[in-house]
Amino acid sequence: MLIAALLAAAFPAPVSLDEIAVYDRLDWPREVTECDRLAAHPDDPERVAEGVAQGDVDLVAARAACEAAVAADPDNPRLNYQLARVNGYAGSHDEGQPFRDAALRAGYPQSLFVVGYIRLTGWDGRPADACYGGELIRRSARAGRFAGLVGFPHYALTGRFAGCPSDQPRIDRDEIARFLDHAEADARGFYQELLVIHLRLRMDERMGE
């Protein structure tokens, strides 16, 4: 019992899949803040500023700006995601977790993919959970996030979800094909187009035409 209690304290339960909403950008303000300028992810489809690569983020300035932005607009999933992003890069995963969870509960597409990847890999030091992480990545694909559109087929076709329940994540050839159709339409440049071609071939090999 003591060990279980210690583990629960060290690794809080993830956000329940039933708690995650369907994101609608019209529900949230989109004014550009200093947090957006300093901490937006360049590949976030919901960003309102250009975005900053991980290695270029000024962690001190970005954290201060995002803490102020979240204090002013505490429910905004974009700002919560960006504050969690800064904390994650700084290695402050425990401090960033409430903001990561807030963005996830709102179904923020970038957060669906990022938290899915974190749980799939255990990047934050907590135990990996490929089944839960895979379902989040699948939902990010359904929300149109390019990384999810190619990431979910990749993980599914390479057996990363072997041993998971049949519905978490659900692996369906028709849905994977739709993800790849969407990814093909959104692909930017030779390398992304080549990745989609490779995944289609892998799908046909593993799941039939």
N, C-alpha and C. Protein backbone atom coordinates (compact mmCIF):
# COMPACT_ATOMS: atom_id res chain seq x y z
N MET A 1 0.82 -1.21 0.00
CA MET A 1 0.00 0.00 0.00
C MET A 1 0.85 1.25 0.00
N LEU A 2 1.93 1.26 0.79
CA LEU A 2 2.80 2.42 0.86
C LEU A 2 3.46 2.66 -0.48
N ILE A 3 3.93 1.58 -1.12
CA ILE A 3 4.58 1.73 -2.43
C ILE A 3 3.60 2.27 -3.45
N ALA A 4 2.37 1.76 -3.42
CA ALA A 4 1.35 2.25 -4.36
C ALA A 4 1.06 3.73 -4.14
N ALA A 5 1.01 4.14 -2.87
CA ALA A 5 0.75 5.55 -2.56
C ALA A 5 1.90 6.44 -3.03
N LEU A 6 3.13 5.96 -2.85
CA LEU A 6 4.29 6.72 -3.30
C LEU A 6 4.31 6.86 -4.81
N LEU A 7 3.98 5.77 -5.51
CA LEU A 7 3.95 5.82 -6.96
C LEU A 7 2.85 6.76 -7.45
N ALA A 8 1.71 6.74 -6.79
CA ALA A 8 0.61 7.63 -7.19
C ALA A 8 0.99 9.09 -7.00
N ALA A 9 1.73 9.36 -5.93
CA ALA A 9 2.17 10.75 -5.69
C ALA A 9 3.22 11.17 -6.70
N ALA A 10 4.13 10.25 -7.04
CA ALA A 10 5.20 10.59 -7.98
C ALA A 10 4.70 10.68 -9.41
N PHE A 11 3.71 9.84 -9.76
CA PHE A 11 3.21 9.79 -11.13
C PHE A 11 1.69 9.95 -11.10
N PRO A 12 1.20 11.18 -11.05
CA PRO A 12 -0.26 11.39 -10.97
C PRO A 12 -0.96 10.78 -12.17
N ALA A 13 -2.21 10.39 -11.96
CA ALA A 13 -2.98 9.74 -13.02
C ALA A 13 -3.13 10.67 -14.22
N PRO A 14 -3.05 10.12 -15.41
CA PRO A 14 -3.23 10.95 -16.60
C PRO A 14 -4.66 11.43 -16.74
N VAL A 15 -4.85 12.44 -17.55
CA VAL A 15 -6.19 12.93 -17.84
C VAL A 15 -7.00 11.80 -18.48
N SER A 16 -8.18 11.55 -17.96
CA SER A 16 -9.04 10.51 -18.52
C SER A 16 -9.41 10.86 -19.95
N LEU A 17 -9.43 9.85 -20.81
CA LEU A 17 -9.81 10.08 -22.20
C LEU A 17 -11.21 10.67 -22.30
N ASP A 18 -12.08 10.32 -21.36
CA ASP A 18 -13.45 10.84 -21.37
C ASP A 18 -13.53 12.32 -21.04
N GLU A 19 -12.47 12.85 -20.44
CA GLU A 19 -12.46 14.27 -20.06
C GLU A 19 -12.03 15.18 -21.20
N ILE A 20 -11.51 14.62 -22.27
CA ILE A 20 -10.90 15.42 -23.33
C ILE A 20 -11.97 15.90 -24.29
N ALA A 21 -12.07 17.21 -24.44
CA ALA A 21 -13.09 17.82 -25.29
C ALA A 21 -12.64 17.83 -26.75
N VAL A 22 -13.57 18.21 -27.62
CA VAL A 22 -13.24 18.47 -29.03
C VAL A 22 -12.96 19.97 -29.15
N TYR A 23 -11.76 20.31 -29.59
CA TYR A 23 -11.32 21.70 -29.62
C TYR A 23 -12.03 22.47 -30.74
N ASP A 24 -12.41 23.69 -30.43
CA ASP A 24 -12.97 24.62 -31.42
C ASP A 24 -12.28 25.96 -31.21
N ARG A 25 -11.51 26.38 -32.20
CA ARG A 25 -10.74 27.63 -32.04
C ARG A 25 -11.63 28.84 -31.81
N LEU A 26 -12.88 28.78 -32.25
CA LEU A 26 -13.77 29.92 -32.07
C LEU A 26 -14.15 30.14 -30.61
N ASP A 27 -13.85 29.16 -29.78
CA ASP A 27 -14.17 29.29 -28.36
C ASP A 27 -13.13 30.10 -27.58
N TRP A 28 -12.01 30.45 -28.22
CA TRP A 28 -10.89 31.01 -27.47
C TRP A 28 -10.35 32.28 -28.12
N PRO A 29 -9.94 33.27 -27.30
CA PRO A 29 -9.32 34.48 -27.85
C PRO A 29 -8.04 34.14 -28.62
N ARG A 30 -7.77 34.91 -29.66
CA ARG A 30 -6.59 34.65 -30.48
C ARG A 30 -5.68 35.87 -30.58
N GLU A 31 -5.81 36.79 -29.62
CA GLU A 31 -4.89 37.93 -29.60
C GLU A 31 -3.47 37.44 -29.33
N VAL A 32 -2.50 38.03 -30.01
CA VAL A 32 -1.10 37.64 -29.85
C VAL A 32 -0.56 38.22 -28.54
N THR A 33 0.03 37.37 -27.73
CA THR A 33 0.65 37.79 -26.47
C THR A 33 2.16 37.62 -26.57
N GLU A 34 2.86 38.14 -25.57
CA GLU A 34 4.31 37.94 -25.53
C GLU A 34 4.63 36.45 -25.35
N CYS A 35 3.76 35.73 -24.69
CA CYS A 35 3.93 34.28 -24.57
C CYS A 35 3.92 33.63 -25.94
N ASP A 36 3.01 34.06 -26.81
CA ASP A 36 2.97 33.53 -28.18
C ASP A 36 4.26 33.84 -28.93
N ARG A 37 4.75 35.06 -28.79
CA ARG A 37 5.96 35.46 -29.52
C ARG A 37 7.18 34.67 -29.06
N LEU A 38 7.22 34.32 -27.78
CA LEU A 38 8.42 33.69 -27.21
C LEU A 38 8.32 32.17 -27.11
N ALA A 39 7.09 31.61 -27.17
CA ALA A 39 6.98 30.18 -26.84
C ALA A 39 6.10 29.37 -27.78
N ALA A 40 5.53 29.98 -28.82
CA ALA A 40 4.72 29.19 -29.74
C ALA A 40 5.58 28.16 -30.47
N HIS A 41 5.02 27.00 -30.71
CA HIS A 41 5.73 25.96 -31.46
C HIS A 41 5.55 26.24 -32.96
N PRO A 42 6.63 26.18 -33.74
CA PRO A 42 6.50 26.51 -35.17
C PRO A 42 5.54 25.61 -35.94
N ASP A 43 5.32 24.40 -35.47
CA ASP A 43 4.43 23.47 -36.17
C ASP A 43 3.03 23.39 -35.57
N ASP A 44 2.76 24.21 -34.57
CA ASP A 44 1.44 24.21 -33.95
C ASP A 44 0.44 24.86 -34.92
N PRO A 45 -0.55 24.11 -35.41
CA PRO A 45 -1.49 24.71 -36.37
C PRO A 45 -2.36 25.80 -35.78
N GLU A 46 -2.45 25.87 -34.44
CA GLU A 46 -3.28 26.88 -33.78
C GLU A 46 -2.47 28.07 -33.27
N ARG A 47 -1.17 28.11 -33.58
CA ARG A 47 -0.36 29.22 -33.09
C ARG A 47 -0.85 30.53 -33.72
N VAL A 48 -0.59 31.64 -33.04
CA VAL A 48 -0.97 32.95 -33.56
C VAL A 48 0.27 33.81 -33.80
N ALA A 49 1.45 33.23 -33.59
CA ALA A 49 2.72 33.91 -33.88
C ALA A 49 3.58 32.93 -34.68
N GLU A 50 4.70 33.41 -35.17
CA GLU A 50 5.52 32.60 -36.07
C GLU A 50 5.99 31.30 -35.44
N GLY A 51 6.34 31.36 -34.18
CA GLY A 51 6.84 30.16 -33.49
C GLY A 51 8.35 30.19 -33.33
N VAL A 52 8.82 29.50 -32.29
CA VAL A 52 10.25 29.49 -31.95
C VAL A 52 10.70 28.04 -31.81
N ALA A 53 11.78 27.69 -32.50
CA ALA A 53 12.33 26.34 -32.38
C ALA A 53 12.81 26.09 -30.96
N GLN A 54 12.84 24.83 -30.56
CA GLN A 54 13.19 24.49 -29.19
C GLN A 54 14.51 25.11 -28.76
N GLY A 55 15.52 24.99 -29.58
CA GLY A 55 16.84 25.48 -29.20
C GLY A 55 16.93 26.99 -29.10
N ASP A 56 15.94 27.70 -29.63
CA ASP A 56 15.96 29.17 -29.63
C ASP A 56 15.06 29.78 -28.56
N VAL A 57 14.38 28.94 -27.80
CA VAL A 57 13.47 29.48 -26.77
C VAL A 57 14.28 30.05 -25.62
N ASP A 58 14.02 31.32 -25.28
CA ASP A 58 14.60 31.95 -24.09
C ASP A 58 13.76 31.49 -22.91
N LEU A 59 14.23 30.48 -22.20
CA LEU A 59 13.40 29.83 -21.19
C LEU A 59 12.97 30.77 -20.08
N VAL A 60 13.86 31.64 -19.64
CA VAL A 60 13.52 32.55 -18.54
C VAL A 60 12.46 33.55 -18.98
N ALA A 61 12.70 34.20 -20.11
CA ALA A 61 11.75 35.21 -20.58
C ALA A 61 10.43 34.57 -20.99
N ALA A 62 10.50 33.42 -21.65
CA ALA A 62 9.27 32.76 -22.11
C ALA A 62 8.43 32.29 -20.93
N ARG A 63 9.08 31.75 -19.91
CA ARG A 63 8.31 31.30 -18.74
C ARG A 63 7.61 32.47 -18.08
N ALA A 64 8.31 33.58 -17.89
CA ALA A 64 7.69 34.74 -17.26
C ALA A 64 6.51 35.25 -18.09
N ALA A 65 6.70 35.31 -19.41
CA ALA A 65 5.64 35.81 -20.28
C ALA A 65 4.43 34.88 -20.27
N CYS A 66 4.69 33.60 -20.28
CA CYS A 66 3.57 32.64 -20.33
C CYS A 66 2.87 32.53 -18.98
N GLU A 67 3.61 32.66 -17.90
CA GLU A 67 2.95 32.67 -16.59
C GLU A 67 2.01 33.87 -16.49
N ALA A 68 2.44 35.01 -17.00
CA ALA A 68 1.59 36.20 -16.97
C ALA A 68 0.38 36.03 -17.89
N ALA A 69 0.61 35.43 -19.06
CA ALA A 69 -0.49 35.24 -20.00
C ALA A 69 -1.54 34.27 -19.45
N VAL A 70 -1.09 33.19 -18.82
CA VAL A 70 -2.02 32.22 -18.26
C VAL A 70 -2.74 32.82 -17.05
N ALA A 71 -2.06 33.62 -16.27
CA ALA A 71 -2.72 34.28 -15.14
C ALA A 71 -3.85 35.19 -15.62
N ALA A 72 -3.64 35.82 -16.77
CA ALA A 72 -4.65 36.73 -17.32
C ALA A 72 -5.77 35.98 -18.03
N ASP A 73 -5.49 34.80 -18.55
CA ASP A 73 -6.47 34.02 -19.31
C ASP A 73 -6.28 32.55 -18.96
N PRO A 74 -6.66 32.14 -17.75
CA PRO A 74 -6.24 30.83 -17.22
C PRO A 74 -6.79 29.62 -17.93
N ASP A 75 -7.88 29.76 -18.68
CA ASP A 75 -8.47 28.59 -19.34
C ASP A 75 -8.03 28.43 -20.79
N ASN A 76 -7.27 29.39 -21.30
CA ASN A 76 -6.90 29.36 -22.73
C ASN A 76 -5.96 28.20 -23.00
N PRO A 77 -6.37 27.21 -23.80
CA PRO A 77 -5.52 26.03 -24.00
C PRO A 77 -4.22 26.32 -24.74
N ARG A 78 -4.22 27.28 -25.63
CA ARG A 78 -2.98 27.62 -26.35
C ARG A 78 -1.93 28.14 -25.39
N LEU A 79 -2.32 29.04 -24.51
CA LEU A 79 -1.37 29.60 -23.56
C LEU A 79 -0.92 28.56 -22.54
N ASN A 80 -1.84 27.71 -22.11
CA ASN A 80 -1.46 26.63 -21.19
C ASN A 80 -0.47 25.68 -21.85
N TYR A 81 -0.72 25.34 -23.12
CA TYR A 81 0.22 24.46 -23.83
C TYR A 81 1.61 25.11 -23.88
N GLN A 82 1.65 26.40 -24.20
CA GLN A 82 2.94 27.06 -24.35
C GLN A 82 3.69 27.16 -23.03
N LEU A 83 2.98 27.40 -21.93
CA LEU A 83 3.64 27.41 -20.63
C LEU A 83 4.15 26.01 -20.29
N ALA A 84 3.37 24.99 -20.61
CA ALA A 84 3.84 23.61 -20.39
C ALA A 84 5.05 23.32 -21.26
N ARG A 85 5.06 23.81 -22.48
CA ARG A 85 6.19 23.60 -23.38
C ARG A 85 7.47 24.16 -22.77
N VAL A 86 7.41 25.38 -22.29
CA VAL A 86 8.60 26.01 -21.70
C VAL A 86 9.08 25.23 -20.49
N ASN A 87 8.14 24.84 -19.62
CA ASN A 87 8.53 24.07 -18.43
C ASN A 87 9.14 22.73 -18.82
N GLY A 88 8.59 22.11 -19.85
CA GLY A 88 9.14 20.84 -20.30
C GLY A 88 10.56 20.98 -20.79
N TYR A 89 10.84 22.01 -21.59
CA TYR A 89 12.19 22.23 -22.09
C TYR A 89 13.16 22.54 -20.96
N ALA A 90 12.63 23.15 -19.90
CA ALA A 90 13.48 23.47 -18.75
C ALA A 90 13.66 22.27 -17.82
N GLY A 91 12.99 21.16 -18.13
CA GLY A 91 13.07 19.98 -17.28
C GLY A 91 12.16 20.05 -16.08
N SER A 92 11.28 21.05 -16.02
CA SER A 92 10.38 21.23 -14.87
C SER A 92 9.04 20.56 -15.17
N HIS A 93 9.06 19.24 -15.30
CA HIS A 93 7.86 18.53 -15.73
C HIS A 93 6.74 18.60 -14.70
N ASP A 94 7.07 18.51 -13.43
CA ASP A 94 6.03 18.57 -12.41
C ASP A 94 5.33 19.93 -12.41
N GLU A 95 6.12 20.99 -12.57
CA GLU A 95 5.52 22.33 -12.61
C GLU A 95 4.67 22.52 -13.85
N GLY A 96 5.09 21.92 -14.94
CA GLY A 96 4.37 22.09 -16.20
C GLY A 96 3.14 21.22 -16.34
N GLN A 97 3.04 20.16 -15.51
CA GLN A 97 1.97 19.18 -15.70
C GLN A 97 0.56 19.76 -15.63
N PRO A 98 0.24 20.64 -14.67
CA PRO A 98 -1.13 21.18 -14.63
C PRO A 98 -1.50 21.94 -15.91
N PHE A 99 -0.53 22.62 -16.50
CA PHE A 99 -0.80 23.38 -17.72
C PHE A 99 -0.91 22.43 -18.92
N ARG A 100 -0.08 21.41 -18.93
CA ARG A 100 -0.18 20.38 -19.97
C ARG A 100 -1.55 19.71 -19.91
N ASP A 101 -2.01 19.40 -18.69
CA ASP A 101 -3.31 18.75 -18.52
C ASP A 101 -4.45 19.68 -18.94
N ALA A 102 -4.33 20.96 -18.64
CA ALA A 102 -5.39 21.91 -19.00
C ALA A 102 -5.56 21.99 -20.51
N ALA A 103 -4.44 22.05 -21.23
CA ALA A 103 -4.51 22.09 -22.69
C ALA A 103 -5.07 20.79 -23.25
N LEU A 104 -4.68 19.69 -22.63
CA LEU A 104 -5.15 18.39 -23.09
C LEU A 104 -6.65 18.24 -22.88
N ARG A 105 -7.14 18.65 -21.73
CA ARG A 105 -8.58 18.54 -21.47
C ARG A 105 -9.40 19.33 -22.49
N ALA A 106 -8.84 20.41 -23.00
CA ALA A 106 -9.53 21.21 -24.01
C ALA A 106 -9.43 20.59 -25.40
N GLY A 107 -8.67 19.50 -25.53
CA GLY A 107 -8.51 18.86 -26.83
C GLY A 107 -7.64 19.65 -27.79
N TYR A 108 -6.77 20.50 -27.24
CA TYR A 108 -5.90 21.33 -28.09
C TYR A 108 -5.07 20.41 -28.99
N PRO A 109 -5.16 20.54 -30.32
CA PRO A 109 -4.54 19.57 -31.22
C PRO A 109 -3.04 19.36 -31.00
N GLN A 110 -2.30 20.44 -30.80
CA GLN A 110 -0.87 20.30 -30.56
C GLN A 110 -0.60 19.54 -29.26
N SER A 111 -1.43 19.80 -28.25
CA SER A 111 -1.26 19.12 -26.98
C SER A 111 -1.60 17.64 -27.10
N LEU A 112 -2.61 17.30 -27.88
CA LEU A 112 -2.94 15.89 -28.11
C LEU A 112 -1.72 15.14 -28.63
N PHE A 113 -1.05 15.74 -29.63
CA PHE A 113 0.11 15.04 -30.18
C PHE A 113 1.27 15.02 -29.20
N VAL A 114 1.58 16.17 -28.62
CA VAL A 114 2.76 16.26 -27.75
C VAL A 114 2.61 15.37 -26.52
N VAL A 115 1.46 15.44 -25.85
CA VAL A 115 1.27 14.59 -24.67
C VAL A 115 1.23 13.12 -25.09
N GLY A 116 0.64 12.83 -26.25
CA GLY A 116 0.66 11.47 -26.74
C GLY A 116 2.08 10.97 -26.93
N TYR A 117 2.92 11.80 -27.53
CA TYR A 117 4.32 11.42 -27.74
C TYR A 117 5.05 11.24 -26.40
N ILE A 118 4.81 12.15 -25.48
CA ILE A 118 5.45 12.06 -24.16
C ILE A 118 5.06 10.76 -23.46
N ARG A 119 3.76 10.43 -23.49
CA ARG A 119 3.32 9.21 -22.81
C ARG A 119 3.80 7.95 -23.56
N LEU A 120 3.88 8.04 -24.87
CA LEU A 120 4.35 6.91 -25.66
C LEU A 120 5.81 6.59 -25.37
N THR A 121 6.61 7.63 -25.17
CA THR A 121 8.05 7.47 -25.02
C THR A 121 8.54 7.57 -23.59
N GLY A 122 7.73 8.14 -22.67
CA GLY A 122 8.21 8.40 -21.33
C GLY A 122 9.23 9.53 -21.27
N TRP A 123 9.12 10.49 -22.19
CA TRP A 123 10.11 11.56 -22.31
C TRP A 123 10.25 12.38 -21.03
N ASP A 124 9.16 12.47 -20.25
CA ASP A 124 9.19 13.30 -19.04
C ASP A 124 9.67 12.53 -17.81
N GLY A 125 10.13 11.29 -17.98
CA GLY A 125 10.62 10.51 -16.85
C GLY A 125 9.56 9.65 -16.19
N ARG A 126 8.30 9.83 -16.53
CA ARG A 126 7.25 8.97 -16.01
C ARG A 126 7.17 7.70 -16.84
N PRO A 127 6.58 6.63 -16.31
CA PRO A 127 6.50 5.38 -17.09
C PRO A 127 5.77 5.60 -18.41
N ALA A 128 6.32 5.01 -19.47
CA ALA A 128 5.69 5.11 -20.78
C ALA A 128 4.39 4.32 -20.81
N ASP A 129 3.43 4.78 -21.59
CA ASP A 129 2.16 4.08 -21.77
C ASP A 129 1.79 4.21 -23.25
N ALA A 130 2.20 3.22 -24.05
CA ALA A 130 2.00 3.29 -25.49
C ALA A 130 0.53 3.30 -25.86
N CYS A 131 -0.31 2.63 -25.07
CA CYS A 131 -1.73 2.53 -25.41
C CYS A 131 -2.42 3.89 -25.24
N TYR A 132 -2.20 4.52 -24.09
CA TYR A 132 -2.79 5.84 -23.83
C TYR A 132 -2.19 6.87 -24.78
N GLY A 133 -0.86 6.87 -24.89
CA GLY A 133 -0.21 7.82 -25.78
C GLY A 133 -0.66 7.65 -27.22
N GLY A 134 -0.82 6.39 -27.65
CA GLY A 134 -1.25 6.15 -29.02
C GLY A 134 -2.64 6.68 -29.29
N GLU A 135 -3.54 6.56 -28.31
CA GLU A 135 -4.89 7.08 -28.51
C GLU A 135 -4.87 8.60 -28.63
N LEU A 136 -4.01 9.27 -27.86
CA LEU A 136 -3.91 10.73 -27.99
C LEU A 136 -3.36 11.11 -29.36
N ILE A 137 -2.36 10.38 -29.84
CA ILE A 137 -1.81 10.68 -31.17
C ILE A 137 -2.87 10.44 -32.24
N ARG A 138 -3.64 9.38 -32.07
CA ARG A 138 -4.74 9.13 -33.02
C ARG A 138 -5.72 10.31 -33.02
N ARG A 139 -6.05 10.81 -31.85
CA ARG A 139 -6.98 11.94 -31.78
C ARG A 139 -6.36 13.19 -32.39
N SER A 140 -5.06 13.35 -32.25
CA SER A 140 -4.40 14.51 -32.88
C SER A 140 -4.50 14.40 -34.40
N ALA A 141 -4.41 13.18 -34.91
CA ALA A 141 -4.57 12.98 -36.35
C ALA A 141 -6.00 13.32 -36.78
N ARG A 142 -6.97 12.91 -35.99
CA ARG A 142 -8.36 13.22 -36.33
C ARG A 142 -8.61 14.73 -36.28
N ALA A 143 -7.80 15.44 -35.47
CA ALA A 143 -7.91 16.90 -35.41
C ALA A 143 -7.11 17.57 -36.52
N GLY A 144 -6.39 16.78 -37.35
CA GLY A 144 -5.68 17.33 -38.50
C GLY A 144 -4.24 17.69 -38.27
N ARG A 145 -3.66 17.34 -37.11
CA ARG A 145 -2.26 17.65 -36.83
C ARG A 145 -1.37 16.77 -37.70
N PHE A 146 -0.50 17.37 -38.52
CA PHE A 146 0.28 16.60 -39.49
C PHE A 146 1.14 15.54 -38.80
N ALA A 147 1.74 15.90 -37.68
CA ALA A 147 2.58 14.93 -36.97
C ALA A 147 1.77 13.70 -36.56
N GLY A 148 0.52 13.89 -36.20
CA GLY A 148 -0.35 12.77 -35.88
C GLY A 148 -0.78 12.00 -37.11
N LEU A 149 -1.02 12.72 -38.21
CA LEU A 149 -1.45 12.07 -39.44
C LEU A 149 -0.41 11.08 -39.96
N VAL A 150 0.86 11.39 -39.74
CA VAL A 150 1.91 10.44 -40.16
C VAL A 150 2.42 9.63 -38.98
N GLY A 151 2.37 10.20 -37.76
CA GLY A 151 2.90 9.51 -36.60
C GLY A 151 2.06 8.31 -36.21
N PHE A 152 0.74 8.47 -36.22
CA PHE A 152 -0.09 7.34 -35.82
C PHE A 152 0.07 6.15 -36.78
N PRO A 153 -0.01 6.35 -38.11
CA PRO A 153 0.24 5.22 -39.00
C PRO A 153 1.62 4.59 -38.77
N HIS A 154 2.64 5.41 -38.57
CA HIS A 154 3.98 4.86 -38.34
C HIS A 154 4.00 3.95 -37.12
N TYR A 155 3.49 4.42 -36.00
CA TYR A 155 3.54 3.62 -34.78
C TYR A 155 2.65 2.39 -34.90
N ALA A 156 1.48 2.54 -35.53
CA ALA A 156 0.58 1.40 -35.68
C ALA A 156 1.19 0.34 -36.58
N LEU A 157 1.81 0.75 -37.68
CA LEU A 157 2.34 -0.20 -38.66
C LEU A 157 3.65 -0.83 -38.22
N THR A 158 4.31 -0.24 -37.24
CA THR A 158 5.55 -0.83 -36.73
C THR A 158 5.32 -1.62 -35.44
N GLY A 159 4.04 -1.83 -35.09
CA GLY A 159 3.72 -2.70 -33.97
C GLY A 159 3.86 -2.08 -32.60
N ARG A 160 3.90 -0.75 -32.53
CA ARG A 160 4.10 -0.10 -31.24
C ARG A 160 2.93 -0.32 -30.29
N PHE A 161 1.76 -0.64 -30.83
CA PHE A 161 0.58 -0.80 -29.99
C PHE A 161 0.23 -2.27 -29.77
N ALA A 162 1.15 -3.15 -30.08
CA ALA A 162 0.90 -4.57 -29.84
C ALA A 162 0.63 -4.79 -28.35
N GLY A 163 -0.40 -5.52 -28.05
CA GLY A 163 -0.75 -5.77 -26.66
C GLY A 163 -1.72 -4.77 -26.07
N CYS A 164 -2.03 -3.70 -26.80
CA CYS A 164 -3.01 -2.73 -26.31
C CYS A 164 -4.42 -3.27 -26.50
N PRO A 165 -5.39 -2.79 -25.71
CA PRO A 165 -6.78 -3.16 -25.97
C PRO A 165 -7.17 -2.79 -27.40
N SER A 166 -8.15 -3.49 -27.94
CA SER A 166 -8.52 -3.27 -29.34
C SER A 166 -9.05 -1.87 -29.62
N ASP A 167 -9.53 -1.19 -28.57
CA ASP A 167 -10.10 0.14 -28.77
C ASP A 167 -9.22 1.26 -28.22
N GLN A 168 -8.00 0.95 -27.80
CA GLN A 168 -7.12 2.01 -27.29
C GLN A 168 -5.66 1.69 -27.60
N PRO A 169 -5.16 2.21 -28.69
CA PRO A 169 -5.92 2.94 -29.71
C PRO A 169 -6.55 1.99 -30.73
N ARG A 170 -7.65 2.41 -31.30
CA ARG A 170 -8.28 1.61 -32.34
C ARG A 170 -7.43 1.70 -33.61
N ILE A 171 -7.12 0.56 -34.19
CA ILE A 171 -6.31 0.52 -35.41
C ILE A 171 -7.19 0.02 -36.54
N ASP A 172 -7.50 0.90 -37.46
CA ASP A 172 -8.43 0.59 -38.55
C ASP A 172 -7.79 1.02 -39.87
N ARG A 173 -7.70 0.09 -40.82
CA ARG A 173 -7.01 0.40 -42.08
C ARG A 173 -7.66 1.59 -42.79
N ASP A 174 -8.98 1.64 -42.82
CA ASP A 174 -9.64 2.75 -43.52
C ASP A 174 -9.31 4.09 -42.88
N GLU A 175 -9.25 4.11 -41.56
CA GLU A 175 -8.92 5.37 -40.89
C GLU A 175 -7.46 5.75 -41.16
N ILE A 176 -6.57 4.78 -41.11
CA ILE A 176 -5.17 5.06 -41.42
C ILE A 176 -5.04 5.59 -42.84
N ALA A 177 -5.79 5.00 -43.77
CA ALA A 177 -5.75 5.48 -45.16
C ALA A 177 -6.25 6.92 -45.25
N ARG A 178 -7.29 7.24 -44.47
CA ARG A 178 -7.78 8.63 -44.46
C ARG A 178 -6.74 9.58 -43.88
N PHE A 179 -6.06 9.14 -42.82
CA PHE A 179 -5.00 9.97 -42.26
C PHE A 179 -3.93 10.27 -43.32
N LEU A 180 -3.56 9.25 -44.07
CA LEU A 180 -2.51 9.44 -45.07
C LEU A 180 -3.01 10.29 -46.24
N ASP A 181 -4.28 10.18 -46.59
CA ASP A 181 -4.84 11.07 -47.62
C ASP A 181 -4.75 12.52 -47.16
N HIS A 182 -5.10 12.76 -45.91
CA HIS A 182 -5.04 14.11 -45.34
C HIS A 182 -3.59 14.59 -45.30
N ALA A 183 -2.69 13.70 -44.87
CA ALA A 183 -1.27 14.08 -44.81
C ALA A 183 -0.73 14.40 -46.19
N GLU A 184 -1.14 13.64 -47.18
CA GLU A 184 -0.69 13.91 -48.55
C GLU A 184 -1.13 15.30 -49.01
N ALA A 185 -2.37 15.65 -48.68
CA ALA A 185 -2.89 16.97 -49.07
C ALA A 185 -2.15 18.09 -48.34
N ASP A 186 -1.69 17.83 -47.12
CA ASP A 186 -1.04 18.87 -46.31
C ASP A 186 0.48 18.87 -46.43
N ALA A 187 1.05 17.86 -47.09
CA ALA A 187 2.50 17.70 -47.12
C ALA A 187 3.17 18.92 -47.74
N ARG A 188 4.27 19.34 -47.11
CA ARG A 188 5.03 20.49 -47.59
C ARG A 188 6.41 20.01 -48.02
N GLY A 189 6.60 19.86 -49.30
CA GLY A 189 7.93 19.54 -49.79
C GLY A 189 8.19 18.06 -49.97
N PHE A 190 9.34 17.78 -50.56
CA PHE A 190 9.72 16.44 -50.98
C PHE A 190 9.74 15.44 -49.84
N TYR A 191 10.34 15.79 -48.70
CA TYR A 191 10.53 14.82 -47.64
C TYR A 191 9.21 14.39 -47.01
N GLN A 192 8.30 15.33 -46.80
CA GLN A 192 7.00 14.95 -46.24
C GLN A 192 6.21 14.11 -47.24
N GLU A 193 6.29 14.47 -48.53
CA GLU A 193 5.60 13.67 -49.55
C GLU A 193 6.18 12.25 -49.60
N LEU A 194 7.51 12.14 -49.50
CA LEU A 194 8.15 10.84 -49.53
C LEU A 194 7.74 10.00 -48.32
N LEU A 195 7.61 10.64 -47.16
CA LEU A 195 7.19 9.93 -45.95
C LEU A 195 5.80 9.34 -46.14
N VAL A 196 4.89 10.09 -46.72
CA VAL A 196 3.54 9.58 -46.94
C VAL A 196 3.56 8.40 -47.89
N ILE A 197 4.35 8.49 -48.96
CA ILE A 197 4.47 7.37 -49.90
C ILE A 197 4.98 6.12 -49.18
N HIS A 198 6.00 6.29 -48.36
CA HIS A 198 6.58 5.17 -47.62
C HIS A 198 5.54 4.54 -46.69
N LEU A 199 4.76 5.37 -46.01
CA LEU A 199 3.75 4.84 -45.08
C LEU A 199 2.64 4.12 -45.83
N ARG A 200 2.26 4.61 -47.01
CA ARG A 200 1.25 3.90 -47.81
C ARG A 200 1.75 2.52 -48.20
N LEU A 201 3.00 2.43 -48.62
CA LEU A 201 3.56 1.13 -49.00
C LEU A 201 3.58 0.19 -47.80
N ARG A 202 3.97 0.73 -46.64
CA ARG A 202 4.00 -0.08 -45.43
C ARG A 202 2.60 -0.54 -45.04
N MET A 203 1.63 0.33 -45.21
CA MET A 203 0.25 -0.03 -44.91
C MET A 203 -0.21 -1.18 -45.79
N ASP A 204 0.08 -1.09 -47.09
CA ASP A 204 -0.34 -2.14 -48.01
C ASP A 204 0.36 -3.46 -47.69
N GLU A 205 1.62 -3.39 -47.28
CA GLU A 205 2.35 -4.61 -46.94
C GLU A 205 1.78 -5.27 -45.68
N ARG A 206 1.46 -4.45 -44.68
CA ARG A 206 1.04 -4.98 -43.38
C ARG A 206 -0.45 -5.27 -43.31
N MET A 207 -1.28 -4.48 -44.03
CA MET A 207 -2.72 -4.56 -43.85
C MET A 207 -3.46 -4.93 -45.12
N GLY A 208 -2.73 -5.09 -46.24
CA GLY A 208 -3.36 -5.43 -47.49
C GLY A 208 -3.90 -4.23 -48.22
N GLU A 209 -4.06 -4.37 -49.52
CA GLU A 209 -4.57 -3.24 -50.33
C GLU A 209 -6.09 -3.19 -50.30
